[in-house]
């Protein structure tokens, strides 16, 4: 249980909790804005989760290439992204996305400086 007001460690706990929470909010807003700046990508505001779940447009040629590899298009996209950039994402197809749409899941947990490198 966290400390309660009046306990010796309460102020430190409150300060650290606030710093962590504000950092998550800051990174969520920054990642969402950056994703929305990418053509073919749209991301709803991140609220209540530690992940962005942007909708991505995957060109027909990439969808066809994925099929040749016996992969879903978003899985193919995520593999290509990690191979080319080192950015790890999870394909949205594993979360029951609507047929004909493509998504990926990205975390907001990396520290600010790492997040800026990714963006």
Protein backbone atom coordinates (compact mmCIF):
# COMPACT_ATOMS: atom_id res chain seq x y z
CA UNK A 1 0.00 0.00 0.00
CA UNK A 2 1.23 3.50 -0.69
CA UNK A 3 1.89 5.76 2.28
CA UNK A 4 -0.95 7.99 3.46
CA UNK A 5 -0.84 11.66 4.33
CA UNK A 6 0.90 12.15 7.66
CA UNK A 7 3.30 9.25 7.22
CA UNK A 8 7.00 10.06 6.95
CA UNK A 9 7.41 8.90 3.34
CA UNK A 10 4.16 10.42 2.03
CA UNK A 11 5.64 13.62 0.54
CA UNK A 12 8.40 11.75 -1.30
CA UNK A 13 5.87 9.22 -2.58
CA UNK A 14 3.54 11.99 -3.78
CA UNK A 15 6.40 13.83 -5.52
CA UNK A 16 7.67 10.69 -7.29
CA UNK A 17 4.14 9.61 -8.25
CA UNK A 18 3.46 13.03 -9.74
CA UNK A 19 6.73 13.05 -11.70
CA UNK A 20 6.02 9.62 -13.18
CA UNK A 21 2.40 10.44 -14.03
CA UNK A 22 3.28 13.80 -15.63
CA UNK A 23 6.05 12.13 -17.65
CA UNK A 24 3.63 9.55 -19.00
CA UNK A 25 1.13 12.26 -19.92
CA UNK A 26 3.86 14.30 -21.63
CA UNK A 27 5.16 11.33 -23.65
CA UNK A 28 1.62 10.25 -24.58
CA UNK A 29 0.83 13.70 -25.99
CA UNK A 30 4.19 13.96 -27.77
CA UNK A 31 3.96 10.51 -29.40
CA UNK A 32 0.34 11.01 -30.46
CA UNK A 33 1.17 14.37 -32.06
CA UNK A 34 4.21 12.94 -33.84
CA UNK A 35 2.22 9.97 -35.17
CA UNK A 36 -0.49 12.29 -36.46
CA UNK A 37 2.18 14.24 -38.37
CA UNK A 38 3.05 11.13 -40.42
CA UNK A 39 1.10 10.85 -43.69
CA UNK A 40 -1.13 7.77 -43.62
CA UNK A 41 -1.09 7.50 -39.83
CA UNK A 42 -3.78 8.68 -37.43
CA UNK A 43 -3.77 8.28 -33.67
CA UNK A 44 -6.49 8.99 -31.14
CA UNK A 45 -5.37 10.75 -27.96
CA UNK A 46 -3.75 8.33 -25.54
CA UNK A 47 -5.79 8.22 -22.35
CA UNK A 48 -5.69 5.65 -19.61
CA UNK A 49 -3.17 3.33 -21.23
CA UNK A 50 0.56 3.14 -21.73
CA UNK A 51 0.17 2.53 -25.46
CA UNK A 52 -0.59 4.36 -28.67
CA UNK A 53 -2.75 2.39 -31.10
CA UNK A 54 -2.49 4.33 -34.38
CA UNK A 55 -4.39 3.44 -37.53
CA UNK A 56 -1.94 3.02 -40.41
CA UNK A 57 -2.45 3.02 -44.16
CA UNK A 58 -0.54 0.17 -45.77
CA UNK A 59 -0.03 0.39 -49.54
CA UNK A 60 -1.56 -2.36 -51.66
CA UNK A 61 1.91 -3.52 -52.76
CA UNK A 62 2.92 -4.04 -49.12
CA UNK A 63 -0.30 -5.94 -48.40
CA UNK A 64 0.50 -8.20 -51.38
CA UNK A 65 4.11 -8.65 -50.21
CA UNK A 66 2.83 -9.64 -46.77
CA UNK A 67 0.55 -12.26 -48.28
CA UNK A 68 3.51 -13.74 -50.18
CA UNK A 69 5.29 -14.11 -46.83
CA UNK A 70 2.14 -15.63 -45.27
CA UNK A 71 1.87 -12.63 -42.93
CA UNK A 72 -0.82 -10.11 -42.14
CA UNK A 73 -0.05 -6.67 -43.54
CA UNK A 74 0.39 -5.02 -40.13
CA UNK A 75 2.67 -7.83 -38.99
CA UNK A 76 4.76 -7.33 -42.14
CA UNK A 77 4.83 -3.57 -41.48
CA UNK A 78 5.99 -4.07 -37.88
CA UNK A 79 8.73 -6.50 -38.92
CA UNK A 80 9.93 -4.09 -41.62
CA UNK A 81 9.90 -1.22 -39.12
CA UNK A 82 12.03 -3.08 -36.57
CA UNK A 83 14.46 -4.33 -39.23
CA UNK A 84 14.93 -0.85 -40.75
CA UNK A 85 14.79 1.33 -37.62
CA UNK A 86 15.00 -0.82 -34.50
CA UNK A 87 11.56 0.46 -33.42
CA UNK A 88 9.52 -2.37 -31.94
CA UNK A 89 5.73 -2.32 -32.36
CA UNK A 90 3.03 -4.95 -31.99
CA UNK A 91 0.69 -5.60 -34.93
CA UNK A 92 -2.87 -4.53 -34.29
CA UNK A 93 -4.23 -7.72 -35.85
CA UNK A 94 -3.49 -9.45 -32.56
CA UNK A 95 -6.08 -7.23 -30.86
CA UNK A 96 -9.09 -7.95 -33.05
CA UNK A 97 -9.02 -4.88 -35.27
CA UNK A 98 -11.81 -4.22 -37.76
CA UNK A 99 -11.37 -6.08 -41.07
CA UNK A 100 -9.72 -3.90 -43.70
CA UNK A 101 -8.02 -1.63 -41.16
CA UNK A 102 -4.45 -1.79 -39.95
CA UNK A 103 -3.04 -0.69 -36.61
CA UNK A 104 0.03 -1.11 -34.49
CA UNK A 105 0.63 -0.70 -30.79
CA UNK A 106 3.50 1.36 -29.42
CA UNK A 107 4.39 1.97 -25.79
CA UNK A 108 4.89 5.36 -24.18
CA UNK A 109 7.18 3.96 -21.47
CA UNK A 110 10.63 4.89 -22.84
CA UNK A 111 12.19 7.92 -21.13
CA UNK A 112 11.78 11.31 -22.83
CA UNK A 113 15.20 11.28 -24.52
CA UNK A 114 14.62 7.80 -25.98
CA UNK A 115 11.14 8.79 -27.11
CA UNK A 116 12.56 11.78 -28.96
CA UNK A 117 15.06 9.50 -30.72
CA UNK A 118 12.18 7.26 -31.84
CA UNK A 119 10.08 10.19 -33.01
